[in-house]
Amino acid sequence: MKYAILPNRGVIRVSGADARDFLQGLVSNDVEKVSPERSIYAAFLTPQGKYLFDFFIVQAADGGLLIDCEADRLDDFMRRLNMYRLRAAVDIEDVTGSFAVAAVFGGETAASLGFEAEPGAARPCAEGIAYVDPRLADAGLRGIAPAANLGPALEAMGCAEAAAESYDAHRLALGLPDGSRDMEVDKAILLESGFEELHGVDWDKGCFMGQELTARTKYRGLVKKRLLPVQIDGPLPSPGTRITAGGKDAGEMRSGQGSRAIALLRLEAVGGEAPLMAGETRIIPDIAPWVALPEAE
């Protein structure tokens, strides 16, 4: 097994008497399900239902909630959360300096470390918390703990340190989107990005910001594009490169490494006779087992 410290992740702490109620009305998943034994994956949307942030939520030992999010966009996320705080008894603080975030991957990671292979399963670790990735158990574990504790604790469990790029290759092989690298801010919608299959939206929790468009997309079958894992036959195109099929627009490249990438593809072009091309590079959809395309439902 390997572990990688993820320097591109930051941690926000949300605490106070109203912390859960505050987040419950804003995010796409059910915050009431977060406990010392369970984590969740969720998103924060615009009122119009467009993607702004995605993140993981865990419960700290003292009952506060820790949000594992993109470090480069953490300040904007906190600013938007504070816009909705009003008179709620909630404290929102950047605690990135006190915590590191790690991913553990390779082999039967959950079972090897004594976890059930159940997305979101959590338990205390190294004065922090470790949890099975709530999107997909095959992604491995994630950990949030004081930086001085996290690496030594994982090495004591038999994990060898690896570069963050190694974990990035792992998540690309699984077809997992990586925040704003793959989901366009203020434009992407959750069901185009696999949030239903990746346990990032709860249809029974009640209202949340952007729920109306998200629900309409689901129940009216309005998904026409999907973020999908692809194989690259040729030089890796840069993010944003246009993809065509028979000269017609078929999508756009997102993040990638080596021969693997994520692409936003029009579903009508996936599986069509015309090859998908990004310049001189052929783009080959490699549909992950967890992906449920409309035609397969």
C-alpha atoms as a PDB file:
ATOM      1  CA  MET A   1       0.000   0.000   0.000  1.00  0.00           C
ATOM      2  CA  LYS A   2       1.013   3.577  -0.632  1.00  0.00           C
ATOM      3  CA  TYR A   3       0.121   6.889   0.915  1.00  0.00           C
ATOM      4  CA  ALA A   4       0.504  10.382  -0.479  1.00  0.00           C
ATOM      5  CA  ILE A   5       0.258  13.665   1.386  1.00  0.00           C
ATOM      6  CA  LEU A   6      -1.978  15.900  -0.754  1.00  0.00           C
ATOM      7  CA  PRO A   7      -0.629  19.465  -0.699  1.00  0.00           C
ATOM      8  CA  ASN A   8      -3.489  20.683  -2.908  1.00  0.00           C
ATOM      9  CA  ARG A   9      -6.033  20.031  -0.137  1.00  0.00           C
ATOM     10  CA  GLY A  10      -7.059  22.375   2.657  1.00  0.00           C
ATOM     11  CA  VAL A  11      -9.220  21.903   5.759  1.00  0.00           C
ATOM     12  CA  ILE A  12     -12.079  24.076   7.017  1.00  0.00           C
ATOM     13  CA  ARG A  13     -13.531  23.589  10.478  1.00  0.00           C
ATOM     14  CA  VAL A  14     -17.245  24.303  11.004  1.00  0.00           C
ATOM     15  CA  SER A  15     -18.366  24.179  14.624  1.00  0.00           C
ATOM     16  CA  GLY A  16     -20.947  25.605  16.983  1.00  0.00           C
ATOM     17  CA  ALA A  17     -24.477  24.754  18.045  1.00  0.00           C
ATOM     18  CA  ASP A  18     -25.919  25.389  14.563  1.00  0.00           C
ATOM     19  CA  ALA A  19     -23.104  23.866  12.500  1.00  0.00           C
ATOM     20  CA  ARG A  20     -25.036  20.890  11.147  1.00  0.00           C
ATOM     21  CA  ASP A  21     -28.252  22.790  10.450  1.00  0.00           C
ATOM     22  CA  PHE A  22     -26.224  25.502   8.730  1.00  0.00           C
ATOM     23  CA  LEU A  23     -24.487  23.100   6.358  1.00  0.00           C
ATOM     24  CA  GLN A  24     -27.587  20.955   5.876  1.00  0.00           C
ATOM     25  CA  GLY A  25     -29.391  23.759   4.059  1.00  0.00           C
ATOM     26  CA  LEU A  26     -26.448  24.447   1.771  1.00  0.00           C
ATOM     27  CA  VAL A  27     -24.792  21.225   0.628  1.00  0.00           C
ATOM     28  CA  SER A  28     -25.979  18.382  -1.602  1.00  0.00           C
ATOM     29  CA  ASN A  29     -25.596  15.507   0.857  1.00  0.00           C
ATOM     30  CA  ASP A  30     -27.105  14.733   4.259  1.00  0.00           C
ATOM     31  CA  VAL A  31     -24.888  16.244   6.951  1.00  0.00           C
ATOM     32  CA  GLU A  32     -26.883  14.437   9.637  1.00  0.00           C
ATOM     33  CA  LYS A  33     -25.263  11.190   8.472  1.00  0.00           C
ATOM     34  CA  VAL A  34     -21.771  12.396   9.422  1.00  0.00           C
ATOM     35  CA  SER A  35     -20.528  10.695  12.596  1.00  0.00           C
ATOM     36  CA  PRO A  36     -17.294   9.325  14.073  1.00  0.00           C
ATOM     37  CA  GLU A  37     -18.034   6.214  11.981  1.00  0.00           C
ATOM     38  CA  ARG A  38     -19.128   7.887   8.737  1.00  0.00           C
ATOM     39  CA  SER A  39     -17.944  10.547   6.291  1.00  0.00           C
ATOM     40  CA  ILE A  40     -19.713  11.991   3.260  1.00  0.00           C
ATOM     41  CA  TYR A  41     -18.904  13.547  -0.114  1.00  0.00           C
ATOM     42  CA  ALA A  42     -20.905  16.627  -1.086  1.00  0.00           C
ATOM     43  CA  ALA A  43     -21.058  19.770  -3.209  1.00  0.00           C
ATOM     44  CA  PHE A  44     -21.906  23.430  -2.719  1.00  0.00           C
ATOM     45  CA  LEU A  45     -23.834  24.860  -5.674  1.00  0.00           C
ATOM     46  CA  THR A  46     -25.078  28.192  -6.925  1.00  0.00           C
ATOM     47  CA  PRO A  47     -28.790  28.889  -6.363  1.00  0.00           C
ATOM     48  CA  GLN A  48     -29.178  27.950 -10.043  1.00  0.00           C
ATOM     49  CA  GLY A  49     -27.711  24.488  -9.379  1.00  0.00           C
ATOM     50  CA  LYS A  50     -24.265  24.992 -10.927  1.00  0.00           C
ATOM     51  CA  TYR A  51     -21.100  23.582  -9.393  1.00  0.00           C
ATOM     52  CA  LEU A  52     -18.962  25.744  -7.126  1.00  0.00           C
ATOM     53  CA  PHE A  53     -17.110  23.379  -4.730  1.00  0.00           C
ATOM     54  CA  ASP A  54     -16.945  19.690  -3.878  1.00  0.00           C
ATOM     55  CA  PHE A  55     -15.484  18.286  -0.667  1.00  0.00           C
ATOM     56  CA  PHE A  56     -15.511  15.622   2.032  1.00  0.00           C
ATOM     57  CA  ILE A  57     -17.008  16.127   5.506  1.00  0.00           C
ATOM     58  CA  VAL A  58     -15.886  14.223   8.607  1.00  0.00           C
ATOM     59  CA  GLN A  59     -16.543  14.613  12.314  1.00  0.00           C
ATOM     60  CA  ALA A  60     -13.649  15.582  14.575  1.00  0.00           C
ATOM     61  CA  ALA A  61     -13.195  14.050  18.017  1.00  0.00           C
ATOM     62  CA  ASP A  62     -14.748  17.102  19.706  1.00  0.00           C
ATOM     63  CA  GLY A  63     -17.851  16.997  17.490  1.00  0.00           C
ATOM     64  CA  GLY A  64     -16.832  19.753  15.092  1.00  0.00           C
ATOM     65  CA  LEU A  65     -17.015  19.139  11.350  1.00  0.00           C
ATOM     66  CA  LEU A  66     -13.900  19.142   9.169  1.00  0.00           C
ATOM     67  CA  ILE A  67     -14.206  19.844   5.442  1.00  0.00           C
ATOM     68  CA  ASP A  68     -11.468  18.505   3.148  1.00  0.00           C
ATOM     69  CA  CYS A  69     -11.520  20.811   0.111  1.00  0.00           C
ATOM     70  CA  GLU A  70      -9.340  22.368  -2.613  1.00  0.00           C
ATOM     71  CA  ALA A  71      -6.626  24.464  -0.954  1.00  0.00           C
ATOM     72  CA  ASP A  72      -6.353  26.997  -3.779  1.00  0.00           C
ATOM     73  CA  ARG A  73     -10.069  27.798  -3.554  1.00  0.00           C
ATOM     74  CA  LEU A  74     -10.477  27.547   0.211  1.00  0.00           C
ATOM     75  CA  ASP A  75     -10.662  31.317   0.813  1.00  0.00           C
ATOM     76  CA  ASP A  76     -13.457  31.695  -1.737  1.00  0.00           C
ATOM     77  CA  PHE A  77     -15.317  28.761  -0.199  1.00  0.00           C
ATOM     78  CA  MET A  78     -15.070  30.295   3.281  1.00  0.00           C
ATOM     79  CA  ARG A  79     -16.231  33.658   1.946  1.00  0.00           C
ATOM     80  CA  ARG A  80     -19.329  32.071   0.431  1.00  0.00           C
ATOM     81  CA  LEU A  81     -20.083  30.078   3.569  1.00  0.00           C
ATOM     82  CA  ASN A  82     -19.842  33.243   5.646  1.00  0.00           C
ATOM     83  CA  MET A  83     -22.324  34.968   3.314  1.00  0.00           C
ATOM     84  CA  TYR A  84     -24.994  32.534   4.517  1.00  0.00           C
ATOM     85  CA  ARG A  85     -24.034  32.397   8.193  1.00  0.00           C
ATOM     86  CA  LEU A  86     -26.174  35.398   9.210  1.00  0.00           C
ATOM     87  CA  ARG A  87     -27.045  34.935  12.912  1.00  0.00           C
ATOM     88  CA  ALA A  88     -26.396  31.206  13.096  1.00  0.00           C
ATOM     89  CA  ALA A  89     -24.246  30.009  16.003  1.00  0.00           C
ATOM     90  CA  VAL A  90     -21.477  28.807  13.706  1.00  0.00           C
ATOM     91  CA  ASP A  91     -17.716  29.265  13.644  1.00  0.00           C
ATOM     92  CA  ILE A  92     -15.950  28.824  10.284  1.00  0.00           C
ATOM     93  CA  GLU A  93     -12.169  28.725  10.306  1.00  0.00           C
ATOM     94  CA  ASP A  94      -9.272  27.680   8.095  1.00  0.00           C
ATOM     95  CA  VAL A  95      -7.356  25.002  10.012  1.00  0.00           C
ATOM     96  CA  THR A  96      -5.131  23.883   7.144  1.00  0.00           C
ATOM     97  CA  GLY A  97      -2.051  24.788   9.157  1.00  0.00           C
ATOM     98  CA  SER A  98      -3.063  22.316  11.853  1.00  0.00           C
ATOM     99  CA  PHE A  99      -3.929  19.367   9.606  1.00  0.00           C
ATOM    100  CA  ALA A 100      -2.557  17.441   6.659  1.00  0.00           C
ATOM    101  CA  VAL A 101      -4.647  15.426   4.207  1.00  0.00           C
ATOM    102  CA  ALA A 102      -3.451  12.088   2.847  1.00  0.00           C
ATOM    103  CA  ALA A 103      -4.727   9.432   0.461  1.00  0.00           C
ATOM    104  CA  VAL A 104      -3.957   5.738   0.972  1.00  0.00           C
ATOM    105  CA  PHE A 105      -4.255   3.510  -2.079  1.00  0.00           C
ATOM    106  CA  GLY A 106      -3.101   0.332  -3.781  1.00  0.00           C
ATOM    107  CA  GLY A 107      -4.301  -3.232  -3.292  1.00  0.00           C
ATOM    108  CA  GLU A 108      -7.134  -4.078  -0.915  1.00  0.00           C
ATOM    109  CA  THR A 109      -6.493  -0.923   1.068  1.00  0.00           C
ATOM    110  CA  ALA A 110      -9.579  -0.827   3.288  1.00  0.00           C
ATOM    111  CA  ALA A 111      -9.438  -4.482   4.298  1.00  0.00           C
ATOM    112  CA  SER A 112      -5.679  -4.376   4.841  1.00  0.00           C
ATOM    113  CA  LEU A 113      -6.072  -1.580   7.372  1.00  0.00           C
ATOM    114  CA  GLY A 114      -9.022  -3.154   9.155  1.00  0.00           C
ATOM    115  CA  PHE A 115     -11.791  -1.098   7.524  1.00  0.00           C
ATOM    116  CA  GLU A 116     -14.959  -2.438   5.982  1.00  0.00           C
ATOM    117  CA  ALA A 117     -14.850  -1.770   2.231  1.00  0.00           C
ATOM    118  CA  GLU A 118     -17.845   0.527   2.592  1.00  0.00           C
ATOM    119  CA  PRO A 119     -17.699   4.043   1.120  1.00  0.00           C
ATOM    120  CA  GLY A 120     -17.519   6.573   3.937  1.00  0.00           C
ATOM    121  CA  ALA A 121     -16.634   4.179   6.785  1.00  0.00           C
ATOM    122  CA  ALA A 122     -14.540   6.159   9.287  1.00  0.00           C
ATOM    123  CA  ARG A 123     -12.634   5.839  12.549  1.00  0.00           C
ATOM    124  CA  PRO A 124     -10.149   7.869  14.625  1.00  0.00           C
ATOM    125  CA  CYS A 125      -6.513   7.802  13.516  1.00  0.00           C
ATOM    126  CA  ALA A 126      -3.380   9.709  14.595  1.00  0.00           C
ATOM    127  CA  GLU A 127      -5.371  12.311  16.580  1.00  0.00           C
ATOM    128  CA  GLY A 128      -7.487  12.818  13.476  1.00  0.00           C
ATOM    129  CA  ILE A 129      -9.689  10.615  11.366  1.00  0.00           C
ATOM    130  CA  ALA A 130      -9.240   8.078   8.576  1.00  0.00           C
ATOM    131  CA  TYR A 131     -12.066   7.050   6.275  1.00  0.00           C
ATOM    132  CA  VAL A 132     -12.847   5.009   3.203  1.00  0.00           C
ATOM    133  CA  ASP A 133     -13.328   7.365   0.263  1.00  0.00           C
ATOM    134  CA  PRO A 134     -17.103   8.011   0.360  1.00  0.00           C
ATOM    135  CA  ARG A 135     -17.253   8.202  -3.441  1.00  0.00           C
ATOM    136  CA  LEU A 136     -15.811   4.792  -4.204  1.00  0.00           C
ATOM    137  CA  ALA A 137     -14.191   2.181  -1.943  1.00  0.00           C
ATOM    138  CA  ASP A 138     -11.720   1.281  -4.710  1.00  0.00           C
ATOM    139  CA  ALA A 139     -10.268   4.784  -4.369  1.00  0.00           C
ATOM    140  CA  GLY A 140      -8.807   3.750  -1.010  1.00  0.00           C
ATOM    141  CA  LEU A 141      -8.700   5.706   2.254  1.00  0.00           C
ATOM    142  CA  ARG A 142      -8.314   9.354   3.098  1.00  0.00           C
ATOM    143  CA  GLY A 143      -6.916  10.765   6.312  1.00  0.00           C
ATOM    144  CA  ILE A 144      -7.068  14.134   8.084  1.00  0.00           C
ATOM    145  CA  ALA A 145      -4.733  14.539  11.054  1.00  0.00           C
ATOM    146  CA  PRO A 146      -1.976  16.774  12.428  1.00  0.00           C
ATOM    147  CA  ALA A 147       0.854  16.809   9.898  1.00  0.00           C
ATOM    148  CA  ALA A 148       3.417  15.508  12.393  1.00  0.00           C
ATOM    149  CA  ASN A 149       1.243  12.469  13.129  1.00  0.00           C
ATOM    150  CA  LEU A 150      -0.217  11.453   9.806  1.00  0.00           C
ATOM    151  CA  GLY A 151       2.789  10.133   7.893  1.00  0.00           C
ATOM    152  CA  PRO A 152       4.314   8.189  10.822  1.00  0.00           C
ATOM    153  CA  ALA A 153       0.938   6.628  11.670  1.00  0.00           C
ATOM    154  CA  LEU A 154       0.418   5.450   8.094  1.00  0.00           C
ATOM    155  CA  GLU A 155       3.950   4.078   7.876  1.00  0.00           C
ATOM    156  CA  ALA A 156       3.363   2.181  11.115  1.00  0.00           C
ATOM    157  CA  MET A 157       0.383   0.582   9.363  1.00  0.00           C
ATOM    158  CA  GLY A 158       2.678  -0.661   6.593  1.00  0.00           C
ATOM    159  CA  CYS A 159       2.134   2.099   4.017  1.00  0.00           C
ATOM    160  CA  ALA A 160       4.999   3.466   1.919  1.00  0.00           C
ATOM    161  CA  GLU A 161       5.093   7.147   1.013  1.00  0.00           C
ATOM    162  CA  ALA A 162       4.503   8.080  -2.623  1.00  0.00           C
ATOM    163  CA  ALA A 163       4.280  11.332  -4.554  1.00  0.00           C
ATOM    164  CA  ALA A 164       0.922  13.059  -4.927  1.00  0.00           C
ATOM    165  CA  GLU A 165       1.224  12.428  -8.687  1.00  0.00           C
ATOM    166  CA  SER A 166       1.027   8.703  -7.979  1.00  0.00           C
ATOM    167  CA  TYR A 167      -2.345   9.141  -6.312  1.00  0.00           C
ATOM    168  CA  ASP A 168      -3.472  11.346  -9.199  1.00  0.00           C
ATOM    169  CA  ALA A 169      -2.702   8.496 -11.612  1.00  0.00           C
ATOM    170  CA  HIS A 170      -4.724   6.159  -9.371  1.00  0.00           C
ATOM    171  CA  ARG A 171      -7.824   8.369  -9.371  1.00  0.00           C
ATOM    172  CA  LEU A 172      -7.543   8.893 -13.155  1.00  0.00           C
ATOM    173  CA  ALA A 173      -7.498   5.131 -13.669  1.00  0.00           C
ATOM    174  CA  LEU A 174     -10.750   4.968 -11.674  1.00  0.00           C
ATOM    175  CA  GLY A 175     -12.277   7.865 -13.594  1.00  0.00           C
ATOM    176  CA  LEU A 176     -12.808  10.070 -10.522  1.00  0.00           C
ATOM    177  CA  PRO A 177     -13.138  13.820 -11.149  1.00  0.00           C
ATOM    178  CA  ASP A 178     -10.800  16.122  -9.240  1.00  0.00           C
ATOM    179  CA  GLY A 179     -12.711  19.231  -8.253  1.00  0.00           C
ATOM    180  CA  SER A 180     -12.409  22.302 -10.437  1.00  0.00           C
ATOM    181  CA  ARG A 181      -9.735  20.619 -12.573  1.00  0.00           C
ATOM    182  CA  ASP A 182     -12.551  18.564 -14.067  1.00  0.00           C
ATOM    183  CA  MET A 183     -15.787  20.352 -13.152  1.00  0.00           C
ATOM    184  CA  GLU A 184     -16.122  23.833 -14.579  1.00  0.00           C
ATOM    185  CA  VAL A 185     -16.983  26.340 -11.863  1.00  0.00           C
ATOM    186  CA  ASP A 186     -20.393  28.005 -12.248  1.00  0.00           C
ATOM    187  CA  LYS A 187     -21.201  25.800 -15.268  1.00  0.00           C
ATOM    188  CA  ALA A 188     -21.011  22.077 -14.435  1.00  0.00           C
ATOM    189  CA  ILE A 189     -24.058  20.291 -13.036  1.00  0.00           C
ATOM    190  CA  LEU A 190     -23.839  17.439 -10.555  1.00  0.00           C
ATOM    191  CA  LEU A 191     -25.342  14.631 -12.595  1.00  0.00           C
ATOM    192  CA  GLU A 192     -23.012  15.355 -15.530  1.00  0.00           C
ATOM    193  CA  SER A 193     -20.171  14.840 -13.074  1.00  0.00           C
ATOM    194  CA  GLY A 194     -21.199  11.472 -11.644  1.00  0.00           C
ATOM    195  CA  PHE A 195     -22.408  12.724  -8.271  1.00  0.00           C
ATOM    196  CA  GLU A 196     -25.311  10.303  -8.060  1.00  0.00           C
ATOM    197  CA  GLU A 197     -23.133   7.225  -8.595  1.00  0.00           C
ATOM    198  CA  LEU A 198     -20.421   8.681  -6.348  1.00  0.00           C
ATOM    199  CA  HIS A 199     -22.816   9.145  -3.407  1.00  0.00           C
ATOM    200  CA  GLY A 200     -22.503  12.924  -3.464  1.00  0.00           C
ATOM    201  CA  VAL A 201     -26.192  13.840  -3.481  1.00  0.00           C
ATOM    202  CA  ASP A 202     -29.000  12.716  -1.179  1.00  0.00           C
ATOM    203  CA  TRP A 203     -32.480  12.824  -2.725  1.00  0.00           C
ATOM    204  CA  ASP A 204     -34.267  12.385   0.615  1.00  0.00           C
ATOM    205  CA  LYS A 205     -32.564  15.004   2.789  1.00  0.00           C
ATOM    206  CA  GLY A 206     -34.833  17.926   1.931  1.00  0.00           C
ATOM    207  CA  CYS A 207     -33.935  21.255   0.381  1.00  0.00           C
ATOM    208  CA  PHE A 208     -30.414  22.409  -0.334  1.00  0.00           C
ATOM    209  CA  MET A 209     -29.117  25.246  -2.440  1.00  0.00           C
ATOM    210  CA  GLY A 210     -29.429  24.363  -6.130  1.00  0.00           C
ATOM    211  CA  GLN A 211     -31.683  21.368  -5.434  1.00  0.00           C
ATOM    212  CA  GLU A 212     -34.392  22.356  -7.910  1.00  0.00           C
ATOM    213  CA  LEU A 213     -32.207  22.172 -11.012  1.00  0.00           C
ATOM    214  CA  THR A 214     -30.437  19.053  -9.727  1.00  0.00           C
ATOM    215  CA  ALA A 215     -33.738  17.226  -9.200  1.00  0.00           C
ATOM    216  CA  ARG A 216     -35.160  18.419 -12.524  1.00  0.00           C
ATOM    217  CA  THR A 217     -32.066  17.126 -14.305  1.00  0.00           C
ATOM    218  CA  LYS A 218     -32.572  13.699 -12.738  1.00  0.00           C
ATOM    219  CA  TYR A 219     -36.305  13.255 -13.151  1.00  0.00           C
ATOM    220  CA  ARG A 220     -36.560  14.728 -16.634  1.00  0.00           C
ATOM    221  CA  GLY A 221     -33.554  12.857 -17.985  1.00  0.00           C
ATOM    222  CA  LEU A 222     -31.765  16.030 -19.054  1.00  0.00           C
ATOM    223  CA  VAL A 223     -28.183  14.755 -18.862  1.00  0.00           C
ATOM    224  CA  LYS A 224     -26.686  15.049 -22.356  1.00  0.00           C
ATOM    225  CA  LYS A 225     -22.989  15.198 -21.406  1.00  0.00           C
ATOM    226  CA  ARG A 226     -20.851  13.305 -18.900  1.00  0.00           C
ATOM    227  CA  LEU A 227     -17.421  13.526 -17.373  1.00  0.00           C
ATOM    228  CA  LEU A 228     -15.895  10.200 -18.364  1.00  0.00           C
ATOM    229  CA  PRO A 229     -12.535   8.450 -18.037  1.00  0.00           C
ATOM    230  CA  VAL A 230     -10.717   8.114 -21.351  1.00  0.00           C
ATOM    231  CA  GLN A 231      -7.563   6.565 -22.747  1.00  0.00           C
ATOM    232  CA  ILE A 232      -5.207   8.724 -24.798  1.00  0.00           C
ATOM    233  CA  ASP A 233      -3.734   7.492 -28.080  1.00  0.00           C
ATOM    234  CA  GLY A 234      -1.145  10.147 -28.859  1.00  0.00           C
ATOM    235  CA  PRO A 235       0.222  13.205 -27.053  1.00  0.00           C
ATOM    236  CA  LEU A 236      -1.802  14.200 -24.005  1.00  0.00           C
ATOM    237  CA  PRO A 237      -3.981  17.194 -24.946  1.00  0.00           C
ATOM    238  CA  SER A 238      -4.060  20.111 -22.541  1.00  0.00           C
ATOM    239  CA  PRO A 239      -7.184  20.771 -20.446  1.00  0.00           C
ATOM    240  CA  GLY A 240      -9.791  22.662 -22.433  1.00  0.00           C
ATOM    241  CA  THR A 241      -8.802  21.136 -25.791  1.00  0.00           C
ATOM    242  CA  ARG A 242     -11.863  20.643 -27.981  1.00  0.00           C
ATOM    243  CA  ILE A 243     -12.856  17.075 -28.856  1.00  0.00           C
ATOM    244  CA  THR A 244     -14.573  16.346 -32.161  1.00  0.00           C
ATOM    245  CA  ALA A 245     -16.274  13.363 -33.789  1.00  0.00           C
ATOM    246  CA  GLY A 246     -16.524  13.497 -37.565  1.00  0.00           C
ATOM    247  CA  GLY A 247     -15.771  17.204 -37.442  1.00  0.00           C
ATOM    248  CA  LYS A 248     -18.597  17.923 -34.981  1.00  0.00           C
ATOM    249  CA  ASP A 249     -18.183  19.108 -31.419  1.00  0.00           C
ATOM    250  CA  ALA A 250     -18.107  16.126 -29.057  1.00  0.00           C
ATOM    251  CA  GLY A 251     -16.700  17.539 -25.841  1.00  0.00           C
ATOM    252  CA  GLU A 252     -13.642  18.909 -24.090  1.00  0.00           C
ATOM    253  CA  MET A 253     -10.547  17.592 -22.338  1.00  0.00           C
ATOM    254  CA  ARG A 254     -10.123  17.937 -18.606  1.00  0.00           C
ATOM    255  CA  SER A 255      -7.278  16.704 -16.362  1.00  0.00           C
ATOM    256  CA  GLY A 256      -4.909  13.965 -17.446  1.00  0.00           C
ATOM    257  CA  GLN A 257      -1.595  12.210 -16.938  1.00  0.00           C
ATOM    258  CA  GLY A 258       0.210   9.875 -19.320  1.00  0.00           C
ATOM    259  CA  SER A 259      -2.306   7.779 -21.242  1.00  0.00           C
ATOM    260  CA  ARG A 260      -5.257   8.483 -18.920  1.00  0.00           C
ATOM    261  CA  ALA A 261      -7.514  11.498 -18.643  1.00  0.00           C
ATOM    262  CA  ILE A 262     -10.971  12.802 -17.847  1.00  0.00           C
ATOM    263  CA  ALA A 263     -13.080  14.339 -20.609  1.00  0.00           C
ATOM    264  CA  LEU A 264     -16.494  15.970 -20.779  1.00  0.00           C
ATOM    265  CA  LEU A 265     -18.183  14.110 -23.646  1.00  0.00           C
ATOM    266  CA  ARG A 266     -21.509  14.421 -25.389  1.00  0.00           C
ATOM    267  CA  LEU A 267     -23.308  11.140 -24.831  1.00  0.00           C
ATOM    268  CA  GLU A 268     -24.481  10.993 -28.435  1.00  0.00           C
ATOM    269  CA  ALA A 269     -20.831  10.849 -29.508  1.00  0.00           C
ATOM    270  CA  VAL A 270     -19.829   8.084 -27.069  1.00  0.00           C
ATOM    271  CA  GLY A 271     -19.924   4.744 -28.849  1.00  0.00           C
ATOM    272  CA  GLY A 272     -20.596   6.356 -32.214  1.00  0.00           C
ATOM    273  CA  GLU A 273     -18.894   5.297 -35.427  1.00  0.00           C
ATOM    274  CA  ALA A 274     -16.786   8.442 -35.774  1.00  0.00           C
ATOM    275  CA  PRO A 275     -13.573   8.401 -33.676  1.00  0.00           C
ATOM    276  CA  LEU A 276     -13.194  11.018 -30.988  1.00  0.00           C
ATOM    277  CA  MET A 277     -10.251  13.301 -31.709  1.00  0.00           C
ATOM    278  CA  ALA A 278      -8.490  16.080 -29.820  1.00  0.00           C
ATOM    279  CA  GLY A 279      -6.266  17.504 -32.518  1.00  0.00           C
ATOM    280  CA  GLU A 280      -4.175  14.566 -33.745  1.00  0.00           C
ATOM    281  CA  THR A 281      -4.801  12.523 -30.580  1.00  0.00           C
ATOM    282  CA  ARG A 282      -7.463   9.853 -30.458  1.00  0.00           C
ATOM    283  CA  ILE A 283      -9.662   9.862 -27.353  1.00  0.00           C
ATOM    284  CA  ILE A 284     -11.044   6.444 -26.380  1.00  0.00           C
ATOM    285  CA  PRO A 285     -13.824   6.310 -23.760  1.00  0.00           C
ATOM    286  CA  ASP A 286     -12.981   3.770 -21.052  1.00  0.00           C
ATOM    287  CA  ILE A 287     -16.195   3.633 -19.067  1.00  0.00           C
ATOM    288  CA  ALA A 288     -15.525   2.823 -15.414  1.00  0.00           C
ATOM    289  CA  PRO A 289     -17.708   0.130 -13.789  1.00  0.00           C
ATOM    290  CA  TRP A 290     -19.290   2.668 -11.438  1.00  0.00           C
ATOM    291  CA  VAL A 291     -20.524   4.920 -14.267  1.00  0.00           C
ATOM    292  CA  ALA A 292     -24.219   4.505 -15.149  1.00  0.00           C
ATOM    293  CA  LEU A 293     -24.929   6.042 -18.539  1.00  0.00           C
ATOM    294  CA  PRO A 294     -28.601   6.690 -19.448  1.00  0.00           C
ATOM    295  CA  GLU A 295     -28.557   3.969 -22.121  1.00  0.00           C
ATOM    296  CA  ALA A 296     -27.534   1.398 -19.512  1.00  0.00           C
ATOM    297  CA  GLU A 297     -30.245   2.274 -16.989  1.00  0.00           C
END
